[in-house]
Amino acid sequence: MKLQVMFFARYREALGLDALSVEGPFTCIEQLRSHLVRQGGAWQALAEPNLMCARNEELCKLDEPLAEGDVVAFFPPVTGG
């Protein structure tokens, strides 16, 4: 399964990249995130408990199922005032 993964805000800054292509047998976004976090270093930023995610431009939860060609985005929690 090939996916496009995008990073926003402080995740983009920490990783030094906007996006990457990933291949693997991921059934949900949490499996993808765990795979990335296991790479260590700057990837640990994605271990935040409150990170937000989207699949194909729609907000979702980490247990969202994935399909071939999906675009997944990770971004930090949004705060307002």
C-alpha atoms as a PDB file:
ATOM      1  CA  MET A   1       0.000   0.000   0.000  1.00  0.00           C
ATOM      2  CA  LYS A   2       1.415   3.368  -1.021  1.00  0.00           C
ATOM      3  CA  LEU A   3       0.414   6.489   0.919  1.00  0.00           C
ATOM      4  CA  GLN A   4       1.272  10.179   0.771  1.00  0.00           C
ATOM      5  CA  VAL A   5       1.973  11.638   4.231  1.00  0.00           C
ATOM      6  CA  MET A   6       1.970  15.391   4.853  1.00  0.00           C
ATOM      7  CA  PHE A   7       3.276  17.304   7.874  1.00  0.00           C
ATOM      8  CA  PHE A   8       2.192  20.740   9.057  1.00  0.00           C
ATOM      9  CA  ALA A   9       3.294  23.436  11.525  1.00  0.00           C
ATOM     10  CA  ARG A  10       5.826  22.287  14.125  1.00  0.00           C
ATOM     11  CA  TYR A  11       5.902  18.735  12.739  1.00  0.00           C
ATOM     12  CA  ARG A  12       7.062  20.066   9.384  1.00  0.00           C
ATOM     13  CA  GLU A  13       9.683  22.185  11.144  1.00  0.00           C
ATOM     14  CA  ALA A  14      10.905  19.317  13.353  1.00  0.00           C
ATOM     15  CA  LEU A  15      11.149  16.845  10.464  1.00  0.00           C
ATOM     16  CA  GLY A  16      12.445  19.302   7.886  1.00  0.00           C
ATOM     17  CA  LEU A  17      10.000  18.091   5.242  1.00  0.00           C
ATOM     18  CA  ASP A  18       6.509  18.814   4.004  1.00  0.00           C
ATOM     19  CA  ALA A  19       5.591  15.339   2.784  1.00  0.00           C
ATOM     20  CA  LEU A  20       6.831  11.876   1.945  1.00  0.00           C
ATOM     21  CA  SER A  21       5.605   8.699   0.291  1.00  0.00           C
ATOM     22  CA  VAL A  22       5.375   5.611   2.470  1.00  0.00           C
ATOM     23  CA  GLU A  23       4.746   1.993   1.559  1.00  0.00           C
ATOM     24  CA  GLY A  24       3.625  -0.658   3.960  1.00  0.00           C
ATOM     25  CA  PRO A  25       0.808  -2.845   5.168  1.00  0.00           C
ATOM     26  CA  PHE A  26      -0.914  -0.163   7.265  1.00  0.00           C
ATOM     27  CA  THR A  27      -4.545  -0.808   8.186  1.00  0.00           C
ATOM     28  CA  CYS A  28      -5.089   2.467  10.086  1.00  0.00           C
ATOM     29  CA  ILE A  29      -3.453   5.820  10.733  1.00  0.00           C
ATOM     30  CA  GLU A  30      -2.218   4.720  14.175  1.00  0.00           C
ATOM     31  CA  GLN A  31      -0.140   1.948  12.569  1.00  0.00           C
ATOM     32  CA  LEU A  32       1.360   4.476  10.178  1.00  0.00           C
ATOM     33  CA  ARG A  33       2.125   6.910  12.989  1.00  0.00           C
ATOM     34  CA  SER A  34       3.732   4.160  15.109  1.00  0.00           C
ATOM     35  CA  HIS A  35       5.882   3.146  12.149  1.00  0.00           C
ATOM     36  CA  LEU A  36       7.129   6.720  11.748  1.00  0.00           C
ATOM     37  CA  VAL A  37       7.719   7.265  15.503  1.00  0.00           C
ATOM     38  CA  ARG A  38       9.837   4.073  15.685  1.00  0.00           C
ATOM     39  CA  GLN A  39      12.366   5.752  13.391  1.00  0.00           C
ATOM     40  CA  GLY A  40      13.425   7.802  16.431  1.00  0.00           C
ATOM     41  CA  GLY A  41      14.996  11.234  16.502  1.00  0.00           C
ATOM     42  CA  ALA A  42      12.798  14.047  15.208  1.00  0.00           C
ATOM     43  CA  TRP A  43      10.055  11.504  14.396  1.00  0.00           C
ATOM     44  CA  GLN A  44       9.308  11.356  18.138  1.00  0.00           C
ATOM     45  CA  ALA A  45       7.377  14.622  17.639  1.00  0.00           C
ATOM     46  CA  LEU A  46       4.556  12.506  16.186  1.00  0.00           C
ATOM     47  CA  ALA A  47       4.230  10.636  19.502  1.00  0.00           C
ATOM     48  CA  GLU A  48       2.281  13.560  20.992  1.00  0.00           C
ATOM     49  CA  PRO A  49      -0.925  12.218  22.511  1.00  0.00           C
ATOM     50  CA  ASN A  50      -3.126  15.028  21.147  1.00  0.00           C
ATOM     51  CA  LEU A  51      -1.846  15.237  17.592  1.00  0.00           C
ATOM     52  CA  MET A  52      -4.491  15.735  14.939  1.00  0.00           C
ATOM     53  CA  CYS A  53      -4.797  13.888  11.665  1.00  0.00           C
ATOM     54  CA  ALA A  54      -6.740  13.915   8.444  1.00  0.00           C
ATOM     55  CA  ARG A  55      -7.338  11.375   5.709  1.00  0.00           C
ATOM     56  CA  ASN A  56      -7.960  12.721   2.227  1.00  0.00           C
ATOM     57  CA  GLU A  57      -8.494  16.245   3.628  1.00  0.00           C
ATOM     58  CA  GLU A  58     -11.077  15.213   6.233  1.00  0.00           C
ATOM     59  CA  LEU A  59     -10.356  15.303   9.958  1.00  0.00           C
ATOM     60  CA  CYS A  60     -10.406  11.861  11.515  1.00  0.00           C
ATOM     61  CA  LYS A  61      -9.193   9.803  14.445  1.00  0.00           C
ATOM     62  CA  LEU A  62      -6.107   7.625  14.603  1.00  0.00           C
ATOM     63  CA  ASP A  63      -8.177   4.462  14.167  1.00  0.00           C
ATOM     64  CA  GLU A  64      -9.314   5.639  10.697  1.00  0.00           C
ATOM     65  CA  PRO A  65      -8.814   2.823   8.152  1.00  0.00           C
ATOM     66  CA  LEU A  66      -6.435   3.406   5.257  1.00  0.00           C
ATOM     67  CA  ALA A  67      -6.623   2.462   1.589  1.00  0.00           C
ATOM     68  CA  GLU A  68      -4.160   2.507  -1.308  1.00  0.00           C
ATOM     69  CA  GLY A  69      -3.408   6.058  -2.452  1.00  0.00           C
ATOM     70  CA  ASP A  70      -4.747   7.843   0.638  1.00  0.00           C
ATOM     71  CA  VAL A  71      -3.255  11.168   1.680  1.00  0.00           C
ATOM     72  CA  VAL A  72      -2.675  11.400   5.432  1.00  0.00           C
ATOM     73  CA  ALA A  73      -1.866  14.671   7.191  1.00  0.00           C
ATOM     74  CA  PHE A  74      -0.478  15.156  10.696  1.00  0.00           C
ATOM     75  CA  PHE A  75      -0.685  18.476  12.510  1.00  0.00           C
ATOM     76  CA  PRO A  76      -0.464  19.652  16.115  1.00  0.00           C
ATOM     77  CA  PRO A  77      -3.560  20.463  18.141  1.00  0.00           C
ATOM     78  CA  VAL A  78      -5.085  23.816  17.293  1.00  0.00           C
ATOM     79  CA  THR A  79      -5.636  26.259  20.107  1.00  0.00           C
ATOM     80  CA  GLY A  80      -7.707  29.394  19.996  1.00  0.00           C
ATOM     81  CA  GLY A  81      -8.340  32.358  22.162  1.00  0.00           C
END
